[in-house]
Amino acid sequence: MSIQLRDGLANQSLDRVLEDLLVRFVVNVPEEDLSSIERVFFQVEEAQWFYSDFIHQICPDFPPMKMKSFSAKVLEKCPLIWKWGDPDDALSRFGKYKSTIPVRGVALMNKDLSKVVLVKGTESNTWSFPRGKISKGESDIDCAVREVEEETGFNCRDLINENEVLERTIRGKNYKIYLVRNVPEDYNFEPQARFEIAG
């Protein structure tokens, strides 16, 4: 895929690449996915992740762009999808909304409970259990298993028990961390998500 993507990007301008991402991730989604500020920004965020994870890595001459600058460029190219006033204010509202989305994760422990798996994010630079925000329509267990697999490569579905869980609400955000034992110490933990986990 990287070779095809690199070849396809070889003679394209940044404007053309952004237009392609706009069409792929925002314009051609179901109408309900463009029905609110939050839904539009989730689509733009998907496009920004693709840009950062693939396009910028393959074509480093294109500038790195965080969500604020990326969303401004994308929305500028397609004002027809936007009807909520100043996009900068909307990005702030989106950030506040995201900060309330429940988080699900797993404490992966060895047999005698003497070791636990922690991961370090590339942006926060802090260590934590593998975890992440729950997606629309996703169950707590499915979210926890997905996040662990994305961040460590380990599939804990056969070991997880929905009754062995710690739950806390901190500053309005609900966290559930499932306790999973008997994780093999010799497993080669390897992040599957690109550029999300540093170690």
N, C-alpha and C. Protein backbone atom coordinates (compact mmCIF):
# COMPACT_ATOMS: atom_id res chain seq x y z
N MET A 1 0.82 -1.20 0.00
CA MET A 1 0.00 0.00 0.00
C MET A 1 0.86 1.26 0.00
N SER A 2 1.98 1.24 0.76
CA SER A 2 2.85 2.40 0.85
C SER A 2 3.42 2.77 -0.52
N ILE A 3 3.81 1.77 -1.31
CA ILE A 3 4.38 2.05 -2.63
C ILE A 3 3.32 2.68 -3.53
N GLN A 4 2.11 2.12 -3.53
CA GLN A 4 1.04 2.69 -4.35
C GLN A 4 0.71 4.11 -3.91
N LEU A 5 0.66 4.31 -2.59
CA LEU A 5 0.35 5.64 -2.07
C LEU A 5 1.45 6.62 -2.43
N ARG A 6 2.71 6.21 -2.27
CA ARG A 6 3.83 7.08 -2.60
C ARG A 6 3.81 7.45 -4.09
N ASP A 7 3.59 6.45 -4.94
CA ASP A 7 3.53 6.71 -6.38
C ASP A 7 2.39 7.66 -6.73
N GLY A 8 1.26 7.47 -6.07
CA GLY A 8 0.10 8.32 -6.33
C GLY A 8 0.30 9.75 -5.86
N LEU A 9 1.15 9.93 -4.83
CA LEU A 9 1.38 11.27 -4.28
C LEU A 9 2.52 12.00 -4.96
N ALA A 10 3.32 11.28 -5.75
CA ALA A 10 4.58 11.81 -6.28
C ALA A 10 4.45 13.19 -6.92
N ASN A 11 3.43 13.41 -7.72
CA ASN A 11 3.33 14.68 -8.45
C ASN A 11 2.13 15.53 -7.99
N GLN A 12 1.63 15.26 -6.79
CA GLN A 12 0.45 16.00 -6.34
C GLN A 12 0.84 17.13 -5.40
N SER A 13 0.10 18.21 -5.47
CA SER A 13 0.31 19.32 -4.54
C SER A 13 -0.42 19.02 -3.23
N LEU A 14 -0.06 19.76 -2.20
CA LEU A 14 -0.73 19.60 -0.91
C LEU A 14 -2.23 19.90 -1.06
N ASP A 15 -2.57 20.91 -1.83
CA ASP A 15 -3.99 21.24 -2.04
C ASP A 15 -4.75 20.05 -2.63
N ARG A 16 -4.14 19.41 -3.61
CA ARG A 16 -4.79 18.26 -4.25
C ARG A 16 -4.96 17.10 -3.27
N VAL A 17 -3.96 16.86 -2.44
CA VAL A 17 -4.03 15.80 -1.43
C VAL A 17 -5.14 16.10 -0.43
N LEU A 18 -5.23 17.34 0.02
CA LEU A 18 -6.27 17.71 0.98
C LEU A 18 -7.67 17.58 0.37
N GLU A 19 -7.79 17.94 -0.91
CA GLU A 19 -9.08 17.78 -1.59
C GLU A 19 -9.47 16.30 -1.66
N ASP A 20 -8.49 15.44 -1.93
CA ASP A 20 -8.76 14.01 -1.98
C ASP A 20 -9.20 13.48 -0.62
N LEU A 21 -8.54 13.92 0.45
CA LEU A 21 -8.92 13.50 1.80
C LEU A 21 -10.30 14.01 2.16
N LEU A 22 -10.60 15.23 1.75
CA LEU A 22 -11.91 15.81 2.00
C LEU A 22 -13.01 14.97 1.36
N VAL A 23 -12.80 14.58 0.11
CA VAL A 23 -13.79 13.76 -0.59
C VAL A 23 -13.91 12.39 0.06
N ARG A 24 -12.77 11.79 0.38
CA ARG A 24 -12.76 10.43 0.91
C ARG A 24 -13.36 10.32 2.31
N PHE A 25 -13.03 11.29 3.19
CA PHE A 25 -13.41 11.15 4.59
C PHE A 25 -14.59 12.02 5.02
N VAL A 26 -14.91 13.07 4.25
CA VAL A 26 -15.94 14.00 4.72
C VAL A 26 -17.12 14.09 3.75
N VAL A 27 -16.85 14.41 2.51
CA VAL A 27 -17.94 14.69 1.56
C VAL A 27 -18.80 13.46 1.28
N ASN A 28 -18.18 12.31 1.13
CA ASN A 28 -18.92 11.11 0.72
C ASN A 28 -19.39 10.22 1.86
N VAL A 29 -19.57 10.78 3.04
CA VAL A 29 -20.08 9.98 4.16
C VAL A 29 -21.60 10.13 4.21
N PRO A 30 -22.29 9.22 4.92
CA PRO A 30 -23.74 9.38 5.05
C PRO A 30 -24.10 10.74 5.66
N GLU A 31 -25.24 11.25 5.27
CA GLU A 31 -25.67 12.58 5.70
C GLU A 31 -25.69 12.72 7.22
N GLU A 32 -26.05 11.64 7.92
CA GLU A 32 -26.12 11.72 9.39
C GLU A 32 -24.76 12.00 10.01
N ASP A 33 -23.65 11.63 9.30
CA ASP A 33 -22.31 11.89 9.82
C ASP A 33 -21.87 13.33 9.64
N LEU A 34 -22.72 14.13 9.01
CA LEU A 34 -22.45 15.55 8.87
C LEU A 34 -23.55 16.38 9.53
N SER A 35 -24.24 15.78 10.49
CA SER A 35 -25.43 16.43 11.05
C SER A 35 -25.14 17.26 12.30
N SER A 36 -23.92 17.25 12.79
CA SER A 36 -23.58 18.05 13.97
C SER A 36 -22.10 18.41 13.93
N ILE A 37 -21.73 19.38 14.75
CA ILE A 37 -20.33 19.78 14.85
C ILE A 37 -19.46 18.57 15.18
N GLU A 38 -19.91 17.80 16.19
CA GLU A 38 -19.10 16.67 16.66
C GLU A 38 -18.90 15.64 15.55
N ARG A 39 -19.96 15.35 14.82
CA ARG A 39 -19.86 14.33 13.76
C ARG A 39 -18.96 14.80 12.62
N VAL A 40 -19.08 16.06 12.24
CA VAL A 40 -18.20 16.58 11.19
C VAL A 40 -16.74 16.49 11.64
N PHE A 41 -16.49 16.89 12.87
CA PHE A 41 -15.10 16.88 13.34
C PHE A 41 -14.55 15.47 13.52
N PHE A 42 -15.40 14.51 13.83
CA PHE A 42 -14.91 13.12 13.88
C PHE A 42 -14.43 12.70 12.49
N GLN A 43 -15.15 13.10 11.45
CA GLN A 43 -14.74 12.77 10.08
C GLN A 43 -13.44 13.48 9.72
N VAL A 44 -13.34 14.76 10.08
CA VAL A 44 -12.12 15.52 9.80
C VAL A 44 -10.95 14.90 10.56
N GLU A 45 -11.20 14.46 11.78
CA GLU A 45 -10.14 13.84 12.59
C GLU A 45 -9.64 12.55 11.94
N GLU A 46 -10.56 11.76 11.37
CA GLU A 46 -10.15 10.55 10.64
C GLU A 46 -9.22 10.91 9.48
N ALA A 47 -9.57 11.98 8.77
CA ALA A 47 -8.74 12.43 7.64
C ALA A 47 -7.38 12.90 8.14
N GLN A 48 -7.37 13.61 9.27
CA GLN A 48 -6.10 14.10 9.82
C GLN A 48 -5.20 12.95 10.26
N TRP A 49 -5.79 11.91 10.87
CA TRP A 49 -5.01 10.72 11.26
C TRP A 49 -4.39 10.08 10.02
N PHE A 50 -5.18 9.94 8.96
CA PHE A 50 -4.67 9.32 7.73
C PHE A 50 -3.52 10.17 7.17
N TYR A 51 -3.71 11.48 7.18
CA TYR A 51 -2.66 12.37 6.68
C TYR A 51 -1.37 12.18 7.50
N SER A 52 -1.49 12.20 8.83
CA SER A 52 -0.31 12.09 9.70
C SER A 52 0.33 10.72 9.64
N ASP A 53 -0.51 9.67 9.66
CA ASP A 53 -0.01 8.29 9.74
C ASP A 53 0.57 7.78 8.43
N PHE A 54 0.04 8.26 7.31
CA PHE A 54 0.47 7.72 6.03
C PHE A 54 1.09 8.78 5.12
N ILE A 55 0.32 9.78 4.78
CA ILE A 55 0.77 10.73 3.76
C ILE A 55 2.03 11.47 4.19
N HIS A 56 2.01 12.05 5.39
CA HIS A 56 3.18 12.81 5.84
C HIS A 56 4.40 11.90 6.04
N GLN A 57 4.17 10.66 6.47
CA GLN A 57 5.30 9.74 6.67
C GLN A 57 5.95 9.35 5.33
N ILE A 58 5.11 9.18 4.31
CA ILE A 58 5.62 8.79 3.00
C ILE A 58 6.18 9.98 2.24
N CYS A 59 5.56 11.14 2.44
CA CYS A 59 6.00 12.37 1.74
C CYS A 59 6.34 13.44 2.78
N PRO A 60 7.52 13.35 3.41
CA PRO A 60 7.85 14.28 4.48
C PRO A 60 7.99 15.73 4.04
N ASP A 61 7.99 15.99 2.72
CA ASP A 61 8.02 17.38 2.25
C ASP A 61 6.70 18.10 2.55
N PHE A 62 5.61 17.31 2.67
CA PHE A 62 4.35 17.92 3.09
C PHE A 62 4.48 18.29 4.57
N PRO A 63 3.88 19.41 4.99
CA PRO A 63 4.05 19.86 6.38
C PRO A 63 3.32 18.97 7.38
N PRO A 64 3.89 18.80 8.58
CA PRO A 64 3.12 18.12 9.63
C PRO A 64 1.97 19.04 10.03
N MET A 65 0.80 18.46 10.29
CA MET A 65 -0.35 19.28 10.67
C MET A 65 -1.10 18.64 11.82
N LYS A 66 -1.23 19.40 12.90
CA LYS A 66 -2.09 18.98 14.01
C LYS A 66 -3.54 19.26 13.60
N MET A 67 -4.45 18.83 14.46
CA MET A 67 -5.87 18.91 14.13
C MET A 67 -6.33 20.36 13.84
N LYS A 68 -5.82 21.33 14.58
CA LYS A 68 -6.30 22.71 14.41
C LYS A 68 -5.98 23.24 13.01
N SER A 69 -4.72 23.12 12.58
CA SER A 69 -4.37 23.65 11.26
C SER A 69 -4.96 22.80 10.15
N PHE A 70 -5.01 21.48 10.36
CA PHE A 70 -5.58 20.59 9.34
C PHE A 70 -7.06 20.88 9.14
N SER A 71 -7.81 20.98 10.23
CA SER A 71 -9.26 21.21 10.10
C SER A 71 -9.54 22.56 9.45
N ALA A 72 -8.74 23.58 9.76
CA ALA A 72 -8.95 24.89 9.15
C ALA A 72 -8.77 24.81 7.63
N LYS A 73 -7.74 24.10 7.17
CA LYS A 73 -7.49 23.97 5.74
C LYS A 73 -8.61 23.19 5.05
N VAL A 74 -9.03 22.10 5.69
CA VAL A 74 -10.05 21.24 5.08
C VAL A 74 -11.40 21.97 5.00
N LEU A 75 -11.81 22.62 6.08
CA LEU A 75 -13.10 23.31 6.09
C LEU A 75 -13.09 24.52 5.14
N GLU A 76 -11.93 25.13 4.98
CA GLU A 76 -11.80 26.24 4.03
C GLU A 76 -12.07 25.77 2.60
N LYS A 77 -11.72 24.52 2.33
CA LYS A 77 -11.90 23.97 0.98
C LYS A 77 -13.33 23.56 0.70
N CYS A 78 -14.11 23.35 1.76
CA CYS A 78 -15.48 22.88 1.55
C CYS A 78 -16.44 23.60 2.50
N PRO A 79 -16.64 24.90 2.31
CA PRO A 79 -17.50 25.65 3.24
C PRO A 79 -18.95 25.20 3.24
N LEU A 80 -19.39 24.49 2.19
CA LEU A 80 -20.80 24.08 2.12
C LEU A 80 -21.18 23.10 3.22
N ILE A 81 -20.20 22.35 3.76
CA ILE A 81 -20.56 21.38 4.80
C ILE A 81 -20.64 22.05 6.16
N TRP A 82 -20.26 23.31 6.24
CA TRP A 82 -20.14 23.96 7.55
C TRP A 82 -21.25 24.98 7.76
N LYS A 83 -21.97 24.88 8.87
CA LYS A 83 -23.09 25.80 9.13
C LYS A 83 -23.20 26.15 10.60
N TRP A 84 -22.08 26.09 11.32
CA TRP A 84 -22.14 26.29 12.77
C TRP A 84 -21.29 27.46 13.26
N GLY A 85 -21.09 28.46 12.45
CA GLY A 85 -20.32 29.62 12.90
C GLY A 85 -18.82 29.42 12.76
N ASP A 86 -18.08 29.99 13.67
CA ASP A 86 -16.61 29.98 13.61
C ASP A 86 -16.06 28.57 13.88
N PRO A 87 -15.36 27.98 12.89
CA PRO A 87 -14.81 26.63 13.09
C PRO A 87 -13.83 26.52 14.25
N ASP A 88 -13.11 27.63 14.57
CA ASP A 88 -12.19 27.59 15.71
C ASP A 88 -12.95 27.35 17.01
N ASP A 89 -14.09 28.02 17.17
CA ASP A 89 -14.92 27.77 18.35
C ASP A 89 -15.43 26.34 18.35
N ALA A 90 -15.78 25.85 17.17
CA ALA A 90 -16.31 24.49 17.05
C ALA A 90 -15.25 23.46 17.41
N LEU A 91 -14.00 23.71 17.04
CA LEU A 91 -12.92 22.77 17.38
C LEU A 91 -12.76 22.69 18.90
N SER A 92 -12.89 23.82 19.56
CA SER A 92 -12.82 23.84 21.02
C SER A 92 -13.98 23.05 21.61
N ARG A 93 -15.17 23.23 21.05
CA ARG A 93 -16.34 22.48 21.51
C ARG A 93 -16.16 20.98 21.29
N PHE A 94 -15.56 20.62 20.15
CA PHE A 94 -15.30 19.22 19.84
C PHE A 94 -14.32 18.63 20.88
N GLY A 95 -13.29 19.40 21.22
CA GLY A 95 -12.34 18.94 22.23
C GLY A 95 -13.00 18.69 23.57
N LYS A 96 -13.90 19.59 23.96
CA LYS A 96 -14.62 19.41 25.23
C LYS A 96 -15.53 18.18 25.17
N TYR A 97 -16.18 18.00 24.02
CA TYR A 97 -17.05 16.83 23.86
C TYR A 97 -16.23 15.54 23.95
N LYS A 98 -15.09 15.51 23.27
CA LYS A 98 -14.25 14.31 23.28
C LYS A 98 -13.76 13.98 24.69
N SER A 99 -13.57 15.02 25.48
CA SER A 99 -13.05 14.80 26.84
C SER A 99 -14.07 14.11 27.74
N THR A 100 -15.32 13.98 27.27
CA THR A 100 -16.34 13.29 28.08
C THR A 100 -16.62 11.87 27.59
N ILE A 101 -16.02 11.47 26.45
CA ILE A 101 -16.28 10.14 25.90
C ILE A 101 -15.67 9.08 26.82
N PRO A 102 -16.43 8.05 27.20
CA PRO A 102 -15.92 7.02 28.11
C PRO A 102 -14.67 6.32 27.56
N VAL A 103 -13.80 5.93 28.47
CA VAL A 103 -12.55 5.24 28.13
C VAL A 103 -12.61 3.82 28.69
N ARG A 104 -12.17 2.87 27.87
CA ARG A 104 -12.13 1.46 28.27
C ARG A 104 -10.72 0.93 28.02
N GLY A 105 -10.24 0.10 28.96
CA GLY A 105 -8.90 -0.45 28.81
C GLY A 105 -8.72 -1.71 29.62
N VAL A 106 -7.49 -2.20 29.65
CA VAL A 106 -7.20 -3.47 30.31
C VAL A 106 -5.87 -3.39 31.04
N ALA A 107 -5.85 -3.92 32.27
CA ALA A 107 -4.60 -4.16 33.00
C ALA A 107 -4.20 -5.60 32.70
N LEU A 108 -3.17 -5.77 31.86
CA LEU A 108 -2.69 -7.10 31.48
C LEU A 108 -1.62 -7.53 32.49
N MET A 109 -1.92 -8.62 33.23
CA MET A 109 -1.00 -9.07 34.29
C MET A 109 -0.54 -10.50 34.05
N ASN A 110 0.66 -10.80 34.53
CA ASN A 110 1.17 -12.16 34.40
C ASN A 110 0.49 -13.08 35.42
N LYS A 111 0.88 -14.34 35.44
CA LYS A 111 0.19 -15.35 36.24
C LYS A 111 0.21 -15.05 37.73
N ASP A 112 1.38 -14.64 38.26
CA ASP A 112 1.45 -14.40 39.72
C ASP A 112 1.21 -12.93 40.09
N LEU A 113 0.71 -12.15 39.14
CA LEU A 113 0.33 -10.74 39.34
C LEU A 113 1.50 -9.85 39.75
N SER A 114 2.72 -10.25 39.38
CA SER A 114 3.90 -9.47 39.74
C SER A 114 4.30 -8.48 38.65
N LYS A 115 3.72 -8.62 37.45
CA LYS A 115 4.05 -7.73 36.34
C LYS A 115 2.78 -7.29 35.62
N VAL A 116 2.82 -6.07 35.08
CA VAL A 116 1.69 -5.53 34.34
C VAL A 116 2.21 -4.81 33.10
N VAL A 117 1.45 -4.84 32.03
CA VAL A 117 1.83 -4.19 30.78
C VAL A 117 1.37 -2.74 30.80
N LEU A 118 2.31 -1.81 30.55
CA LEU A 118 1.99 -0.39 30.41
C LEU A 118 2.46 0.08 29.04
N VAL A 119 1.80 1.10 28.51
CA VAL A 119 2.19 1.69 27.23
C VAL A 119 2.38 3.19 27.42
N LYS A 120 3.20 3.77 26.54
CA LYS A 120 3.45 5.21 26.60
C LYS A 120 3.00 5.85 25.29
N GLY A 121 2.12 6.82 25.39
CA GLY A 121 1.62 7.50 24.19
C GLY A 121 2.67 8.41 23.58
N THR A 122 2.57 8.64 22.28
CA THR A 122 3.54 9.49 21.59
C THR A 122 3.33 10.97 21.92
N GLU A 123 2.10 11.36 22.24
CA GLU A 123 1.84 12.77 22.52
C GLU A 123 1.90 13.10 24.01
N SER A 124 1.31 12.24 24.84
CA SER A 124 1.25 12.56 26.27
C SER A 124 2.55 12.25 26.98
N ASN A 125 3.35 11.30 26.45
CA ASN A 125 4.62 10.91 27.06
C ASN A 125 4.45 10.38 28.48
N THR A 126 3.27 9.82 28.79
CA THR A 126 3.02 9.23 30.09
C THR A 126 2.68 7.75 29.92
N TRP A 127 2.94 6.96 30.95
CA TRP A 127 2.67 5.52 30.93
C TRP A 127 1.28 5.25 31.47
N SER A 128 0.58 4.30 30.86
CA SER A 128 -0.77 3.93 31.34
C SER A 128 -1.09 2.52 30.87
N PHE A 129 -2.21 2.00 31.36
CA PHE A 129 -2.72 0.75 30.82
C PHE A 129 -3.15 0.99 29.37
N PRO A 130 -3.10 -0.04 28.51
CA PRO A 130 -3.66 0.12 27.17
C PRO A 130 -5.14 0.49 27.28
N ARG A 131 -5.54 1.56 26.63
CA ARG A 131 -6.92 2.03 26.77
C ARG A 131 -7.23 3.02 25.68
N GLY A 132 -8.53 3.34 25.53
CA GLY A 132 -8.92 4.34 24.54
C GLY A 132 -10.41 4.62 24.61
N LYS A 133 -10.82 5.59 23.80
CA LYS A 133 -12.22 6.03 23.81
C LYS A 133 -13.12 5.01 23.11
N ILE A 134 -14.30 4.86 23.67
CA ILE A 134 -15.28 3.92 23.10
C ILE A 134 -15.90 4.52 21.84
N SER A 135 -16.12 3.70 20.84
CA SER A 135 -16.73 4.15 19.60
C SER A 135 -18.25 4.00 19.67
N LYS A 136 -18.93 4.73 18.81
CA LYS A 136 -20.40 4.69 18.77
C LYS A 136 -20.86 3.26 18.52
N GLY A 137 -21.78 2.77 19.37
CA GLY A 137 -22.35 1.44 19.20
C GLY A 137 -21.46 0.30 19.68
N GLU A 138 -20.29 0.60 20.22
CA GLU A 138 -19.35 -0.43 20.66
C GLU A 138 -19.60 -0.78 22.12
N SER A 139 -19.51 -2.07 22.46
CA SER A 139 -19.67 -2.49 23.86
C SER A 139 -18.38 -2.18 24.63
N ASP A 140 -18.50 -2.15 25.95
CA ASP A 140 -17.33 -1.88 26.80
C ASP A 140 -16.23 -2.91 26.54
N ILE A 141 -16.60 -4.19 26.53
CA ILE A 141 -15.61 -5.27 26.33
C ILE A 141 -14.97 -5.16 24.95
N ASP A 142 -15.79 -4.94 23.92
CA ASP A 142 -15.24 -4.85 22.55
C ASP A 142 -14.25 -3.70 22.44
N CYS A 143 -14.56 -2.57 23.08
CA CYS A 143 -13.67 -1.42 23.06
C CYS A 143 -12.35 -1.76 23.76
N ALA A 144 -12.44 -2.37 24.94
CA ALA A 144 -11.24 -2.71 25.70
C ALA A 144 -10.35 -3.67 24.92
N VAL A 145 -10.95 -4.71 24.34
CA VAL A 145 -10.18 -5.71 23.57
C VAL A 145 -9.54 -5.05 22.36
N ARG A 146 -10.31 -4.21 21.65
CA ARG A 146 -9.78 -3.52 20.46
C ARG A 146 -8.60 -2.62 20.81
N GLU A 147 -8.76 -1.83 21.87
CA GLU A 147 -7.69 -0.90 22.24
C GLU A 147 -6.42 -1.65 22.64
N VAL A 148 -6.58 -2.74 23.40
CA VAL A 148 -5.40 -3.52 23.80
C VAL A 148 -4.69 -4.09 22.58
N GLU A 149 -5.47 -4.61 21.64
CA GLU A 149 -4.85 -5.20 20.45
C GLU A 149 -4.16 -4.13 19.60
N GLU A 150 -4.80 -2.95 19.47
CA GLU A 150 -4.19 -1.87 18.70
C GLU A 150 -2.88 -1.40 19.33
N GLU A 151 -2.85 -1.34 20.68
CA GLU A 151 -1.70 -0.75 21.35
C GLU A 151 -0.62 -1.74 21.74
N THR A 152 -0.95 -3.05 21.79
CA THR A 152 0.06 -4.04 22.21
C THR A 152 0.18 -5.22 21.26
N GLY A 153 -0.81 -5.41 20.38
CA GLY A 153 -0.81 -6.59 19.51
C GLY A 153 -1.37 -7.82 20.17
N PHE A 154 -1.70 -7.74 21.46
CA PHE A 154 -2.18 -8.91 22.21
C PHE A 154 -3.71 -8.95 22.20
N ASN A 155 -4.28 -10.11 21.84
CA ASN A 155 -5.73 -10.28 21.86
C ASN A 155 -6.12 -10.96 23.17
N CYS A 156 -6.81 -10.20 24.03
CA CYS A 156 -7.14 -10.71 25.36
C CYS A 156 -8.58 -11.20 25.47
N ARG A 157 -9.26 -11.35 24.34
CA ARG A 157 -10.68 -11.68 24.39
C ARG A 157 -10.98 -12.95 25.19
N ASP A 158 -10.14 -13.98 25.06
CA ASP A 158 -10.40 -15.24 25.78
C ASP A 158 -10.07 -15.15 27.26
N LEU A 159 -9.39 -14.11 27.70
CA LEU A 159 -9.00 -13.98 29.11
C LEU A 159 -9.83 -12.96 29.88
N ILE A 160 -10.54 -12.09 29.17
CA ILE A 160 -11.24 -10.98 29.82
C ILE A 160 -12.55 -11.45 30.45
N ASN A 161 -12.84 -10.90 31.63
CA ASN A 161 -14.07 -11.22 32.36
C ASN A 161 -14.76 -9.90 32.68
N GLU A 162 -16.00 -9.74 32.22
CA GLU A 162 -16.68 -8.45 32.39
C GLU A 162 -16.92 -8.08 33.84
N ASN A 163 -16.84 -9.06 34.77
CA ASN A 163 -17.06 -8.77 36.18
C ASN A 163 -15.79 -8.35 36.92
N GLU A 164 -14.64 -8.54 36.31
CA GLU A 164 -13.38 -8.15 36.95
C GLU A 164 -12.93 -6.82 36.35
N VAL A 165 -13.46 -5.75 36.91
CA VAL A 165 -13.26 -4.42 36.34
C VAL A 165 -13.22 -3.37 37.44
N LEU A 166 -12.38 -2.37 37.24
CA LEU A 166 -12.37 -1.18 38.10
C LEU A 166 -13.01 -0.05 37.32
N GLU A 167 -13.91 0.69 37.98
CA GLU A 167 -14.60 1.79 37.30
C GLU A 167 -14.51 3.06 38.13
N ARG A 168 -14.15 4.16 37.48
CA ARG A 168 -14.06 5.46 38.13
C ARG A 168 -14.55 6.53 37.15
N THR A 169 -15.11 7.61 37.69
CA THR A 169 -15.43 8.79 36.88
C THR A 169 -14.58 9.93 37.40
N ILE A 170 -13.73 10.46 36.50
CA ILE A 170 -12.78 11.51 36.88
C ILE A 170 -13.04 12.72 35.99
N ARG A 171 -13.37 13.84 36.62
CA ARG A 171 -13.68 15.09 35.90
C ARG A 171 -14.69 14.86 34.76
N GLY A 172 -15.72 14.10 35.06
CA GLY A 172 -16.80 13.89 34.11
C GLY A 172 -16.57 12.79 33.10
N LYS A 173 -15.38 12.17 33.10
CA LYS A 173 -15.10 11.10 32.14
C LYS A 173 -15.10 9.76 32.87
N ASN A 174 -15.85 8.79 32.31
CA ASN A 174 -15.96 7.46 32.92
C ASN A 174 -14.87 6.53 32.38
N TYR A 175 -14.16 5.88 33.29
CA TYR A 175 -13.11 4.92 32.95
C TYR A 175 -13.49 3.54 33.46
N LYS A 176 -13.29 2.52 32.62
CA LYS A 176 -13.38 1.13 33.06
C LYS A 176 -12.11 0.42 32.62
N ILE A 177 -11.40 -0.16 33.59
CA ILE A 177 -10.19 -0.92 33.31
C ILE A 177 -10.44 -2.36 33.76
N TYR A 178 -10.44 -3.27 32.79
CA TYR A 178 -10.65 -4.69 33.08
C TYR A 178 -9.34 -5.32 33.54
N LEU A 179 -9.45 -6.23 34.50
CA LEU A 179 -8.28 -6.90 35.07
C LEU A 179 -8.12 -8.27 34.41
N VAL A 180 -7.04 -8.46 33.70
CA VAL A 180 -6.81 -9.70 32.96
C VAL A 180 -5.54 -10.36 33.48
N ARG A 181 -5.67 -11.61 33.91
CA ARG A 181 -4.54 -12.36 34.46
C ARG A 181 -4.06 -13.40 33.46
N ASN A 182 -2.95 -14.04 33.81
CA ASN A 182 -2.38 -15.14 33.03
C ASN A 182 -1.91 -14.74 31.64
N VAL A 183 -1.47 -13.49 31.50
CA VAL A 183 -0.91 -13.04 30.23
C VAL A 183 0.52 -13.59 30.13
N PRO A 184 0.85 -14.29 29.05
CA PRO A 184 2.19 -14.88 28.94
C PRO A 184 3.28 -13.81 28.90
N GLU A 185 4.30 -13.99 29.74
CA GLU A 185 5.39 -13.02 29.82
C GLU A 185 6.26 -13.00 28.58
N ASP A 186 6.27 -14.10 27.84
CA ASP A 186 7.15 -14.16 26.66
C ASP A 186 6.46 -13.64 25.39
N TYR A 187 5.25 -13.09 25.52
CA TYR A 187 4.56 -12.56 24.34
C TYR A 187 5.32 -11.35 23.81
N ASN A 188 5.44 -11.23 22.51
CA ASN A 188 6.13 -10.11 21.88
C ASN A 188 5.14 -8.96 21.65
N PHE A 189 4.97 -8.11 22.65
CA PHE A 189 4.03 -7.00 22.56
C PHE A 189 4.53 -5.99 21.52
N GLU A 190 3.65 -5.66 20.58
CA GLU A 190 4.02 -4.78 19.48
C GLU A 190 2.81 -3.95 19.06
N PRO A 191 2.88 -2.61 19.14
CA PRO A 191 1.72 -1.78 18.75
C PRO A 191 1.30 -2.04 17.31
N GLN A 192 -0.01 -2.11 17.08
CA GLN A 192 -0.55 -2.25 15.73
C GLN A 192 -0.94 -0.88 15.17
N ALA A 193 -1.32 0.04 16.06
CA ALA A 193 -1.70 1.39 15.62
C ALA A 193 -0.43 2.17 15.31
N ARG A 194 -0.41 2.85 14.19
CA ARG A 194 0.77 3.60 13.76
C ARG A 194 0.92 4.91 14.53
N PHE A 195 2.12 5.17 15.04
CA PHE A 195 2.49 6.46 15.63
C PHE A 195 1.61 6.88 16.80
N GLU A 196 0.98 5.90 17.47
CA GLU A 196 0.15 6.22 18.63
C GLU A 196 0.87 5.88 19.93
N ILE A 197 1.66 4.78 19.89
CA ILE A 197 2.34 4.30 21.08
C ILE A 197 3.85 4.43 20.88
N ALA A 198 4.51 5.04 21.90
CA ALA A 198 5.96 5.24 21.80
C ALA A 198 6.72 4.08 22.41
N GLY A 199 6.14 3.41 23.41
CA GLY A 199 6.87 2.31 24.04
C GLY A 199 6.00 1.51 24.97
